[in-house]
Amino acid sequence: VSFDEFMIAWFVGGMNETLPVRILNL
């Protein structure tokens, strides 16, 4: 669940990107 989640990580992670957020930015 954590590894696949991107929306909340995008909101609260700031510059600390997780892999799904990196995909979104790409």
mmCIF file of all heavy atoms, coordinates in Angstrom:
data_MODEL
# 
_entry.id   MODEL 
# 
loop_
_atom_site.group_PDB 
_atom_site.id 
_atom_site.type_symbol 
_atom_site.label_atom_id 
_atom_site.label_alt_id 
_atom_site.label_comp_id 
_atom_site.label_asym_id 
_atom_site.label_entity_id 
_atom_site.label_seq_id 
_atom_site.pdbx_PDB_ins_code 
_atom_site.Cartn_x 
_atom_site.Cartn_y 
_atom_site.Cartn_z 
_atom_site.occupancy 
_atom_site.B_iso_or_equiv 
_atom_site.pdbx_formal_charge 
_atom_site.auth_seq_id 
_atom_site.auth_comp_id 
_atom_site.auth_asym_id 
_atom_site.auth_atom_id 
_atom_site.pdbx_PDB_model_num 
ATOM 1   N N   . VAL A 1 1  ? 0.836  -1.204 0.000   1.00 0.00 ? 1  VAL A N   1 
ATOM 2   C CA  . VAL A 1 1  ? 0.000  0.000  0.000   1.00 0.00 ? 1  VAL A CA  1 
ATOM 3   C C   . VAL A 1 1  ? 0.867  1.248  0.000   1.00 0.00 ? 1  VAL A C   1 
ATOM 4   O O   . VAL A 1 1  ? 0.630  2.199  -0.747  1.00 0.00 ? 1  VAL A O   1 
ATOM 5   C CB  . VAL A 1 1  ? -0.943 -0.003 1.224   1.00 0.00 ? 1  VAL A CB  1 
ATOM 6   C CG1 . VAL A 1 1  ? -1.613 1.355  1.401   1.00 0.00 ? 1  VAL A CG1 1 
ATOM 7   C CG2 . VAL A 1 1  ? -2.003 -1.087 1.081   1.00 0.00 ? 1  VAL A CG2 1 
ATOM 8   N N   . SER A 1 2  ? 1.906  1.253  0.832   1.00 0.00 ? 2  SER A N   1 
ATOM 9   C CA  . SER A 1 2  ? 2.800  2.406  0.921   1.00 0.00 ? 2  SER A CA  1 
ATOM 10  C C   . SER A 1 2  ? 3.606  2.582  -0.362  1.00 0.00 ? 2  SER A C   1 
ATOM 11  O O   . SER A 1 2  ? 3.737  3.694  -0.886  1.00 0.00 ? 2  SER A O   1 
ATOM 12  C CB  . SER A 1 2  ? 3.747  2.250  2.113   1.00 0.00 ? 2  SER A CB  1 
ATOM 13  O OG  . SER A 1 2  ? 4.724  3.271  2.130   1.00 0.00 ? 2  SER A OG  1 
ATOM 14  N N   . PHE A 1 3  ? 4.151  1.499  -0.879  1.00 0.00 ? 3  PHE A N   1 
ATOM 15  C CA  . PHE A 1 3  ? 5.027  1.580  -2.054  1.00 0.00 ? 3  PHE A CA  1 
ATOM 16  C C   . PHE A 1 3  ? 4.282  2.061  -3.283  1.00 0.00 ? 3  PHE A C   1 
ATOM 17  O O   . PHE A 1 3  ? 4.871  2.692  -4.160  1.00 0.00 ? 3  PHE A O   1 
ATOM 18  C CB  . PHE A 1 3  ? 5.649  0.206  -2.316  1.00 0.00 ? 3  PHE A CB  1 
ATOM 19  C CG  . PHE A 1 3  ? 6.866  0.245  -3.186  1.00 0.00 ? 3  PHE A CG  1 
ATOM 20  C CD1 . PHE A 1 3  ? 8.118  0.499  -2.637  1.00 0.00 ? 3  PHE A CD1 1 
ATOM 21  C CD2 . PHE A 1 3  ? 6.787  0.021  -4.552  1.00 0.00 ? 3  PHE A CD2 1 
ATOM 22  C CE1 . PHE A 1 3  ? 9.251  0.542  -3.430  1.00 0.00 ? 3  PHE A CE1 1 
ATOM 23  C CE2 . PHE A 1 3  ? 7.920  0.067  -5.350  1.00 0.00 ? 3  PHE A CE2 1 
ATOM 24  C CZ  . PHE A 1 3  ? 9.155  0.330  -4.785  1.00 0.00 ? 3  PHE A CZ  1 
ATOM 25  N N   . ASP A 1 4  ? 2.985  1.790  -3.340  1.00 0.00 ? 4  ASP A N   1 
ATOM 26  C CA  . ASP A 1 4  ? 2.190  2.112  -4.523  1.00 0.00 ? 4  ASP A CA  1 
ATOM 27  C C   . ASP A 1 4  ? 1.491  3.461  -4.422  1.00 0.00 ? 4  ASP A C   1 
ATOM 28  O O   . ASP A 1 4  ? 0.989  3.971  -5.421  1.00 0.00 ? 4  ASP A O   1 
ATOM 29  C CB  . ASP A 1 4  ? 1.154  1.008  -4.755  1.00 0.00 ? 4  ASP A CB  1 
ATOM 30  C CG  . ASP A 1 4  ? 0.691  0.949  -6.198  1.00 0.00 ? 4  ASP A CG  1 
ATOM 31  O OD1 . ASP A 1 4  ? 1.536  1.045  -7.098  1.00 0.00 ? 4  ASP A OD1 1 
ATOM 32  O OD2 . ASP A 1 4  ? -0.531 0.813  -6.418  1.00 0.00 ? 4  ASP A OD2 1 
ATOM 33  N N   . GLU A 1 5  ? 1.448  4.060  -3.232  1.00 0.00 ? 5  GLU A N   1 
ATOM 34  C CA  . GLU A 1 5  ? 0.694  5.293  -3.019  1.00 0.00 ? 5  GLU A CA  1 
ATOM 35  C C   . GLU A 1 5  ? 1.490  6.511  -3.478  1.00 0.00 ? 5  GLU A C   1 
ATOM 36  O O   . GLU A 1 5  ? 2.690  6.606  -3.214  1.00 0.00 ? 5  GLU A O   1 
ATOM 37  C CB  . GLU A 1 5  ? 0.347  5.432  -1.528  1.00 0.00 ? 5  GLU A CB  1 
ATOM 38  C CG  . GLU A 1 5  ? -0.791 6.385  -1.234  1.00 0.00 ? 5  GLU A CG  1 
ATOM 39  C CD  . GLU A 1 5  ? -0.387 7.842  -1.312  1.00 0.00 ? 5  GLU A CD  1 
ATOM 40  O OE1 . GLU A 1 5  ? 0.748  8.179  -0.913  1.00 0.00 ? 5  GLU A OE1 1 
ATOM 41  O OE2 . GLU A 1 5  ? -1.199 8.644  -1.790  1.00 0.00 ? 5  GLU A OE2 1 
ATOM 42  N N   . PHE A 1 6  ? 0.845  7.436  -4.166  1.00 0.00 ? 6  PHE A N   1 
ATOM 43  C CA  . PHE A 1 6  ? 1.575  8.612  -4.660  1.00 0.00 ? 6  PHE A CA  1 
ATOM 44  C C   . PHE A 1 6  ? 0.920  9.937  -4.301  1.00 0.00 ? 6  PHE A C   1 
ATOM 45  O O   . PHE A 1 6  ? 1.614  10.937 -4.110  1.00 0.00 ? 6  PHE A O   1 
ATOM 46  C CB  . PHE A 1 6  ? 1.730  8.531  -6.183  1.00 0.00 ? 6  PHE A CB  1 
ATOM 47  C CG  . PHE A 1 6  ? 0.465  8.812  -6.950  1.00 0.00 ? 6  PHE A CG  1 
ATOM 48  C CD1 . PHE A 1 6  ? 0.168  10.095 -7.386  1.00 0.00 ? 6  PHE A CD1 1 
ATOM 49  C CD2 . PHE A 1 6  ? -0.427 7.788  -7.236  1.00 0.00 ? 6  PHE A CD2 1 
ATOM 50  C CE1 . PHE A 1 6  ? -0.994 10.348 -8.084  1.00 0.00 ? 6  PHE A CE1 1 
ATOM 51  C CE2 . PHE A 1 6  ? -1.587 8.042  -7.939  1.00 0.00 ? 6  PHE A CE2 1 
ATOM 52  C CZ  . PHE A 1 6  ? -1.874 9.323  -8.369  1.00 0.00 ? 6  PHE A CZ  1 
ATOM 53  N N   . MET A 1 7  ? -0.414 9.999  -4.183  1.00 0.00 ? 7  MET A N   1 
ATOM 54  C CA  . MET A 1 7  ? -1.083 11.284 -3.994  1.00 0.00 ? 7  MET A CA  1 
ATOM 55  C C   . MET A 1 7  ? -0.714 11.926 -2.666  1.00 0.00 ? 7  MET A C   1 
ATOM 56  O O   . MET A 1 7  ? -0.314 13.102 -2.605  1.00 0.00 ? 7  MET A O   1 
ATOM 57  C CB  . MET A 1 7  ? -2.604 11.100 -4.094  1.00 0.00 ? 7  MET A CB  1 
ATOM 58  C CG  . MET A 1 7  ? -3.384 12.402 -3.960  1.00 0.00 ? 7  MET A CG  1 
ATOM 59  S SD  . MET A 1 7  ? -3.000 13.598 -5.268  1.00 0.00 ? 7  MET A SD  1 
ATOM 60  C CE  . MET A 1 7  ? -3.777 12.807 -6.679  1.00 0.00 ? 7  MET A CE  1 
ATOM 61  N N   . ILE A 1 8  ? -0.834 11.162 -1.578  1.00 0.00 ? 8  ILE A N   1 
ATOM 62  C CA  . ILE A 1 8  ? -0.517 11.707 -0.258  1.00 0.00 ? 8  ILE A CA  1 
ATOM 63  C C   . ILE A 1 8  ? 0.981  11.982 -0.150  1.00 0.00 ? 8  ILE A C   1 
ATOM 64  O O   . ILE A 1 8  ? 1.400  13.003 0.416   1.00 0.00 ? 8  ILE A O   1 
ATOM 65  C CB  . ILE A 1 8  ? -0.990 10.740 0.847   1.00 0.00 ? 8  ILE A CB  1 
ATOM 66  C CG1 . ILE A 1 8  ? -2.522 10.669 0.839   1.00 0.00 ? 8  ILE A CG1 1 
ATOM 67  C CG2 . ILE A 1 8  ? -0.494 11.182 2.216   1.00 0.00 ? 8  ILE A CG2 1 
ATOM 68  C CD1 . ILE A 1 8  ? -3.095 9.647  1.794   1.00 0.00 ? 8  ILE A CD1 1 
ATOM 69  N N   . ALA A 1 9  ? 1.798  11.081 -0.712  1.00 0.00 ? 9  ALA A N   1 
ATOM 70  C CA  . ALA A 1 9  ? 3.247  11.299 -0.693  1.00 0.00 ? 9  ALA A CA  1 
ATOM 71  C C   . ALA A 1 9  ? 3.609  12.565 -1.462  1.00 0.00 ? 9  ALA A C   1 
ATOM 72  O O   . ALA A 1 9  ? 4.538  13.287 -1.074  1.00 0.00 ? 9  ALA A O   1 
ATOM 73  C CB  . ALA A 1 9  ? 3.961  10.090 -1.295  1.00 0.00 ? 9  ALA A CB  1 
ATOM 74  N N   . TRP A 1 10 ? 2.888  12.860 -2.521  1.00 0.00 ? 10 TRP A N   1 
ATOM 75  C CA  . TRP A 1 10 ? 3.135  14.072 -3.300  1.00 0.00 ? 10 TRP A CA  1 
ATOM 76  C C   . TRP A 1 10 ? 2.789  15.320 -2.505  1.00 0.00 ? 10 TRP A C   1 
ATOM 77  O O   . TRP A 1 10 ? 3.481  16.339 -2.580  1.00 0.00 ? 10 TRP A O   1 
ATOM 78  C CB  . TRP A 1 10 ? 2.328  14.020 -4.592  1.00 0.00 ? 10 TRP A CB  1 
ATOM 79  C CG  . TRP A 1 10 ? 2.552  15.180 -5.500  1.00 0.00 ? 10 TRP A CG  1 
ATOM 80  C CD1 . TRP A 1 10 ? 3.635  15.416 -6.292  1.00 0.00 ? 10 TRP A CD1 1 
ATOM 81  C CD2 . TRP A 1 10 ? 1.652  16.282 -5.717  1.00 0.00 ? 10 TRP A CD2 1 
ATOM 82  N NE1 . TRP A 1 10 ? 3.471  16.593 -6.985  1.00 0.00 ? 10 TRP A NE1 1 
ATOM 83  C CE2 . TRP A 1 10 ? 2.263  17.141 -6.659  1.00 0.00 ? 10 TRP A CE2 1 
ATOM 84  C CE3 . TRP A 1 10 ? 0.387  16.605 -5.211  1.00 0.00 ? 10 TRP A CE3 1 
ATOM 85  C CZ2 . TRP A 1 10 ? 1.654  18.312 -7.097  1.00 0.00 ? 10 TRP A CZ2 1 
ATOM 86  C CZ3 . TRP A 1 10 ? -0.213 17.774 -5.645  1.00 0.00 ? 10 TRP A CZ3 1 
ATOM 87  C CH2 . TRP A 1 10 ? 0.416  18.610 -6.577  1.00 0.00 ? 10 TRP A CH2 1 
ATOM 88  N N   . PHE A 1 11 ? 1.719  15.248 -1.698  1.00 0.00 ? 11 PHE A N   1 
ATOM 89  C CA  . PHE A 1 11 ? 1.300  16.390 -0.898  1.00 0.00 ? 11 PHE A CA  1 
ATOM 90  C C   . PHE A 1 11 ? 2.265  16.671 0.256   1.00 0.00 ? 11 PHE A C   1 
ATOM 91  O O   . PHE A 1 11 ? 2.609  17.827 0.507   1.00 0.00 ? 11 PHE A O   1 
ATOM 92  C CB  . PHE A 1 11 ? -0.107 16.157 -0.323  1.00 0.00 ? 11 PHE A CB  1 
ATOM 93  C CG  . PHE A 1 11 ? -1.214 16.622 -1.221  1.00 0.00 ? 11 PHE A CG  1 
ATOM 94  C CD1 . PHE A 1 11 ? -2.005 15.714 -1.901  1.00 0.00 ? 11 PHE A CD1 1 
ATOM 95  C CD2 . PHE A 1 11 ? -1.472 17.977 -1.384  1.00 0.00 ? 11 PHE A CD2 1 
ATOM 96  C CE1 . PHE A 1 11 ? -3.026 16.142 -2.729  1.00 0.00 ? 11 PHE A CE1 1 
ATOM 97  C CE2 . PHE A 1 11 ? -2.489 18.419 -2.215  1.00 0.00 ? 11 PHE A CE2 1 
ATOM 98  C CZ  . PHE A 1 11 ? -3.275 17.497 -2.891  1.00 0.00 ? 11 PHE A CZ  1 
ATOM 99  N N   . VAL A 1 12 ? 2.681  15.638 0.974   1.00 0.00 ? 12 VAL A N   1 
ATOM 100 C CA  . VAL A 1 12 ? 3.390  15.871 2.238   1.00 0.00 ? 12 VAL A CA  1 
ATOM 101 C C   . VAL A 1 12 ? 4.895  15.642 2.146   1.00 0.00 ? 12 VAL A C   1 
ATOM 102 O O   . VAL A 1 12 ? 5.622  16.000 3.071   1.00 0.00 ? 12 VAL A O   1 
ATOM 103 C CB  . VAL A 1 12 ? 2.811  14.973 3.361   1.00 0.00 ? 12 VAL A CB  1 
ATOM 104 C CG1 . VAL A 1 12 ? 1.315  15.181 3.495   1.00 0.00 ? 12 VAL A CG1 1 
ATOM 105 C CG2 . VAL A 1 12 ? 3.122  13.502 3.126   1.00 0.00 ? 12 VAL A CG2 1 
ATOM 106 N N   . GLY A 1 13 ? 5.381  15.050 1.043   1.00 0.00 ? 13 GLY A N   1 
ATOM 107 C CA  . GLY A 1 13 ? 6.794  14.693 0.969   1.00 0.00 ? 13 GLY A CA  1 
ATOM 108 C C   . GLY A 1 13 ? 7.736  15.818 0.602   1.00 0.00 ? 13 GLY A C   1 
ATOM 109 O O   . GLY A 1 13 ? 8.937  15.718 0.840   1.00 0.00 ? 13 GLY A O   1 
ATOM 110 N N   . GLY A 1 14 ? 7.204  16.888 0.021   1.00 0.00 ? 14 GLY A N   1 
ATOM 111 C CA  . GLY A 1 14 ? 8.081  17.979 -0.396  1.00 0.00 ? 14 GLY A CA  1 
ATOM 112 C C   . GLY A 1 14 ? 9.085  17.517 -1.434  1.00 0.00 ? 14 GLY A C   1 
ATOM 113 O O   . GLY A 1 14 ? 8.746  16.912 -2.448  1.00 0.00 ? 14 GLY A O   1 
ATOM 114 N N   . MET A 1 15 ? 10.358 17.781 -1.174  1.00 0.00 ? 15 MET A N   1 
ATOM 115 C CA  . MET A 1 15 ? 11.426 17.394 -2.096  1.00 0.00 ? 15 MET A CA  1 
ATOM 116 C C   . MET A 1 15 ? 11.820 15.925 -1.950  1.00 0.00 ? 15 MET A C   1 
ATOM 117 O O   . MET A 1 15 ? 12.584 15.408 -2.761  1.00 0.00 ? 15 MET A O   1 
ATOM 118 C CB  . MET A 1 15 ? 12.652 18.278 -1.867  1.00 0.00 ? 15 MET A CB  1 
ATOM 119 C CG  . MET A 1 15 ? 12.401 19.759 -2.112  1.00 0.00 ? 15 MET A CG  1 
ATOM 120 S SD  . MET A 1 15 ? 11.863 20.103 -3.810  1.00 0.00 ? 15 MET A SD  1 
ATOM 121 C CE  . MET A 1 15 ? 13.346 19.654 -4.714  1.00 0.00 ? 15 MET A CE  1 
ATOM 122 N N   . ASN A 1 16 ? 11.323 15.252 -0.938  1.00 0.00 ? 16 ASN A N   1 
ATOM 123 C CA  . ASN A 1 16 ? 11.627 13.835 -0.725  1.00 0.00 ? 16 ASN A CA  1 
ATOM 124 C C   . ASN A 1 16 ? 10.650 12.984 -1.538  1.00 0.00 ? 16 ASN A C   1 
ATOM 125 O O   . ASN A 1 16 ? 9.584  12.598 -1.054  1.00 0.00 ? 16 ASN A O   1 
ATOM 126 C CB  . ASN A 1 16 ? 11.533 13.484 0.762   1.00 0.00 ? 16 ASN A CB  1 
ATOM 127 C CG  . ASN A 1 16 ? 12.624 14.138 1.572   1.00 0.00 ? 16 ASN A CG  1 
ATOM 128 O OD1 . ASN A 1 16 ? 13.807 13.901 1.342   1.00 0.00 ? 16 ASN A OD1 1 
ATOM 129 N ND2 . ASN A 1 16 ? 12.237 14.984 2.518   1.00 0.00 ? 16 ASN A ND2 1 
ATOM 130 N N   . GLU A 1 17 ? 11.007 12.708 -2.765  1.00 0.00 ? 17 GLU A N   1 
ATOM 131 C CA  . GLU A 1 17 ? 10.127 11.972 -3.663  1.00 0.00 ? 17 GLU A CA  1 
ATOM 132 C C   . GLU A 1 17 ? 10.194 10.468 -3.408  1.00 0.00 ? 17 GLU A C   1 
ATOM 133 O O   . GLU A 1 17 ? 11.269 9.916  -3.202  1.00 0.00 ? 17 GLU A O   1 
ATOM 134 C CB  . GLU A 1 17 ? 10.515 12.232 -5.121  1.00 0.00 ? 17 GLU A CB  1 
ATOM 135 C CG  . GLU A 1 17 ? 10.336 13.662 -5.588  1.00 0.00 ? 17 GLU A CG  1 
ATOM 136 C CD  . GLU A 1 17 ? 10.739 13.823 -7.042  1.00 0.00 ? 17 GLU A CD  1 
ATOM 137 O OE1 . GLU A 1 17 ? 11.490 12.969 -7.545  1.00 0.00 ? 17 GLU A OE1 1 
ATOM 138 O OE2 . GLU A 1 17 ? 10.298 14.795 -7.662  1.00 0.00 ? 17 GLU A OE2 1 
ATOM 139 N N   . THR A 1 18 ? 9.035  9.842  -3.454  1.00 0.00 ? 18 THR A N   1 
ATOM 140 C CA  . THR A 1 18 ? 8.992  8.386  -3.526  1.00 0.00 ? 18 THR A CA  1 
ATOM 141 C C   . THR A 1 18 ? 8.932  7.997  -5.005  1.00 0.00 ? 18 THR A C   1 
ATOM 142 O O   . THR A 1 18 ? 8.764  8.856  -5.884  1.00 0.00 ? 18 THR A O   1 
ATOM 143 C CB  . THR A 1 18 ? 7.774  7.823  -2.776  1.00 0.00 ? 18 THR A CB  1 
ATOM 144 O OG1 . THR A 1 18 ? 6.580  8.386  -3.339  1.00 0.00 ? 18 THR A OG1 1 
ATOM 145 C CG2 . THR A 1 18 ? 7.852  8.169  -1.294  1.00 0.00 ? 18 THR A CG2 1 
ATOM 146 N N   . LEU A 1 19 ? 9.043  6.721  -5.294  1.00 0.00 ? 19 LEU A N   1 
ATOM 147 C CA  . LEU A 1 19 ? 9.102  6.287  -6.695  1.00 0.00 ? 19 LEU A CA  1 
ATOM 148 C C   . LEU A 1 19 ? 7.834  6.621  -7.478  1.00 0.00 ? 19 LEU A C   1 
ATOM 149 O O   . LEU A 1 19 ? 7.926  7.101  -8.622  1.00 0.00 ? 19 LEU A O   1 
ATOM 150 C CB  . LEU A 1 19 ? 9.396  4.781  -6.747  1.00 0.00 ? 19 LEU A CB  1 
ATOM 151 C CG  . LEU A 1 19 ? 9.919  4.236  -8.080  1.00 0.00 ? 19 LEU A CG  1 
ATOM 152 C CD1 . LEU A 1 19 ? 11.143 5.005  -8.543  1.00 0.00 ? 19 LEU A CD1 1 
ATOM 153 C CD2 . LEU A 1 19 ? 10.258 2.747  -7.939  1.00 0.00 ? 19 LEU A CD2 1 
ATOM 154 N N   . PRO A 1 20 ? 6.632  6.395  -6.933  1.00 0.00 ? 20 PRO A N   1 
ATOM 155 C CA  . PRO A 1 20 ? 5.432  6.798  -7.692  1.00 0.00 ? 20 PRO A CA  1 
ATOM 156 C C   . PRO A 1 20 ? 5.377  8.303  -7.959  1.00 0.00 ? 20 PRO A C   1 
ATOM 157 O O   . PRO A 1 20 ? 4.899  8.723  -9.019  1.00 0.00 ? 20 PRO A O   1 
ATOM 158 C CB  . PRO A 1 20 ? 4.285  6.362  -6.769  1.00 0.00 ? 20 PRO A CB  1 
ATOM 159 C CG  . PRO A 1 20 ? 4.847  5.239  -5.967  1.00 0.00 ? 20 PRO A CG  1 
ATOM 160 C CD  . PRO A 1 20 ? 6.269  5.628  -5.726  1.00 0.00 ? 20 PRO A CD  1 
ATOM 161 N N   . VAL A 1 21 ? 5.863  9.121  -7.015  1.00 0.00 ? 21 VAL A N   1 
ATOM 162 C CA  . VAL A 1 21 ? 5.895  10.568 -7.234  1.00 0.00 ? 21 VAL A CA  1 
ATOM 163 C C   . VAL A 1 21 ? 6.882  10.915 -8.347  1.00 0.00 ? 21 VAL A C   1 
ATOM 164 O O   . VAL A 1 21 ? 6.644  11.806 -9.160  1.00 0.00 ? 21 VAL A O   1 
ATOM 165 C CB  . VAL A 1 21 ? 6.256  11.302 -5.931  1.00 0.00 ? 21 VAL A CB  1 
ATOM 166 C CG1 . VAL A 1 21 ? 6.421  12.804 -6.183  1.00 0.00 ? 21 VAL A CG1 1 
ATOM 167 C CG2 . VAL A 1 21 ? 5.190  11.069 -4.874  1.00 0.00 ? 21 VAL A CG2 1 
ATOM 168 N N   . ARG A 1 22 ? 8.015  10.203 -8.396  1.00 0.00 ? 22 ARG A N   1 
ATOM 169 C CA  . ARG A 1 22 ? 8.995  10.427 -9.471  1.00 0.00 ? 22 ARG A CA  1 
ATOM 170 C C   . ARG A 1 22 ? 8.372  10.101 -10.827 1.00 0.00 ? 22 ARG A C   1 
ATOM 171 O O   . ARG A 1 22 ? 8.592  10.816 -11.809 1.00 0.00 ? 22 ARG A O   1 
ATOM 172 C CB  . ARG A 1 22 ? 10.225 9.536  -9.231  1.00 0.00 ? 22 ARG A CB  1 
ATOM 173 C CG  . ARG A 1 22 ? 11.274 9.638  -10.338 1.00 0.00 ? 22 ARG A CG  1 
ATOM 174 C CD  . ARG A 1 22 ? 12.323 10.661 -10.006 1.00 0.00 ? 22 ARG A CD  1 
ATOM 175 N NE  . ARG A 1 22 ? 11.887 12.044 -9.979  1.00 0.00 ? 22 ARG A NE  1 
ATOM 176 C CZ  . ARG A 1 22 ? 12.044 12.909 -10.950 1.00 0.00 ? 22 ARG A CZ  1 
ATOM 177 N NH1 . ARG A 1 22 ? 12.584 12.546 -12.096 1.00 0.00 ? 22 ARG A NH1 1 
ATOM 178 N NH2 . ARG A 1 22 ? 11.663 14.156 -10.820 1.00 0.00 ? 22 ARG A NH2 1 
ATOM 179 N N   . ILE A 1 23 ? 7.566  9.025  -10.883 1.00 0.00 ? 23 ILE A N   1 
ATOM 180 C CA  . ILE A 1 23 ? 6.873  8.685  -12.130 1.00 0.00 ? 23 ILE A CA  1 
ATOM 181 C C   . ILE A 1 23 ? 5.926  9.813  -12.521 1.00 0.00 ? 23 ILE A C   1 
ATOM 182 O O   . ILE A 1 23 ? 5.858  10.217 -13.687 1.00 0.00 ? 23 ILE A O   1 
ATOM 183 C CB  . ILE A 1 23 ? 6.097  7.363  -11.974 1.00 0.00 ? 23 ILE A CB  1 
ATOM 184 C CG1 . ILE A 1 23 ? 7.060  6.197  -11.738 1.00 0.00 ? 23 ILE A CG1 1 
ATOM 185 C CG2 . ILE A 1 23 ? 5.237  7.089  -13.204 1.00 0.00 ? 23 ILE A CG2 1 
ATOM 186 C CD1 . ILE A 1 23 ? 6.362  4.887  -11.450 1.00 0.00 ? 23 ILE A CD1 1 
ATOM 187 N N   . LEU A 1 24 ? 5.182  10.328 -11.539 1.00 0.00 ? 24 LEU A N   1 
ATOM 188 C CA  . LEU A 1 24 ? 4.255  11.431 -11.814 1.00 0.00 ? 24 LEU A CA  1 
ATOM 189 C C   . LEU A 1 24 ? 4.996  12.648 -12.352 1.00 0.00 ? 24 LEU A C   1 
ATOM 190 O O   . LEU A 1 24 ? 4.546  13.285 -13.308 1.00 0.00 ? 24 LEU A O   1 
ATOM 191 C CB  . LEU A 1 24 ? 3.505  11.793 -10.526 1.00 0.00 ? 24 LEU A CB  1 
ATOM 192 C CG  . LEU A 1 24 ? 2.491  12.938 -10.635 1.00 0.00 ? 24 LEU A CG  1 
ATOM 193 C CD1 . LEU A 1 24 ? 1.351  12.554 -11.566 1.00 0.00 ? 24 LEU A CD1 1 
ATOM 194 C CD2 . LEU A 1 24 ? 1.953  13.304 -9.256  1.00 0.00 ? 24 LEU A CD2 1 
ATOM 195 N N   . ASN A 1 25 ? 6.130  12.965 -11.774 1.00 0.00 ? 25 ASN A N   1 
ATOM 196 C CA  . ASN A 1 25 ? 6.909  14.111 -12.242 1.00 0.00 ? 25 ASN A CA  1 
ATOM 197 C C   . ASN A 1 25 ? 7.486  13.874 -13.639 1.00 0.00 ? 25 ASN A C   1 
ATOM 198 O O   . ASN A 1 25 ? 7.595  14.808 -14.439 1.00 0.00 ? 25 ASN A O   1 
ATOM 199 C CB  . ASN A 1 25 ? 8.030  14.425 -11.252 1.00 0.00 ? 25 ASN A CB  1 
ATOM 200 C CG  . ASN A 1 25 ? 7.496  14.995 -9.946  1.00 0.00 ? 25 ASN A CG  1 
ATOM 201 O OD1 . ASN A 1 25 ? 6.427  15.594 -9.922  1.00 0.00 ? 25 ASN A OD1 1 
ATOM 202 N ND2 . ASN A 1 25 ? 8.225  14.797 -8.867  1.00 0.00 ? 25 ASN A ND2 1 
ATOM 203 N N   . LEU A 1 26 ? 7.867  12.632 -13.936 1.00 0.00 ? 26 LEU A N   1 
ATOM 204 C CA  . LEU A 1 26 ? 8.343  12.320 -15.282 1.00 0.00 ? 26 LEU A CA  1 
ATOM 205 C C   . LEU A 1 26 ? 7.233  12.483 -16.314 1.00 0.00 ? 26 LEU A C   1 
ATOM 206 O O   . LEU A 1 26 ? 7.475  12.914 -17.444 1.00 0.00 ? 26 LEU A O   1 
ATOM 207 C CB  . LEU A 1 26 ? 8.885  10.888 -15.320 1.00 0.00 ? 26 LEU A CB  1 
ATOM 208 C CG  . LEU A 1 26 ? 10.258 10.642 -14.678 1.00 0.00 ? 26 LEU A CG  1 
ATOM 209 C CD1 . LEU A 1 26 ? 10.574 9.149  -14.645 1.00 0.00 ? 26 LEU A CD1 1 
ATOM 210 C CD2 . LEU A 1 26 ? 11.352 11.394 -15.426 1.00 0.00 ? 26 LEU A CD2 1 
# 
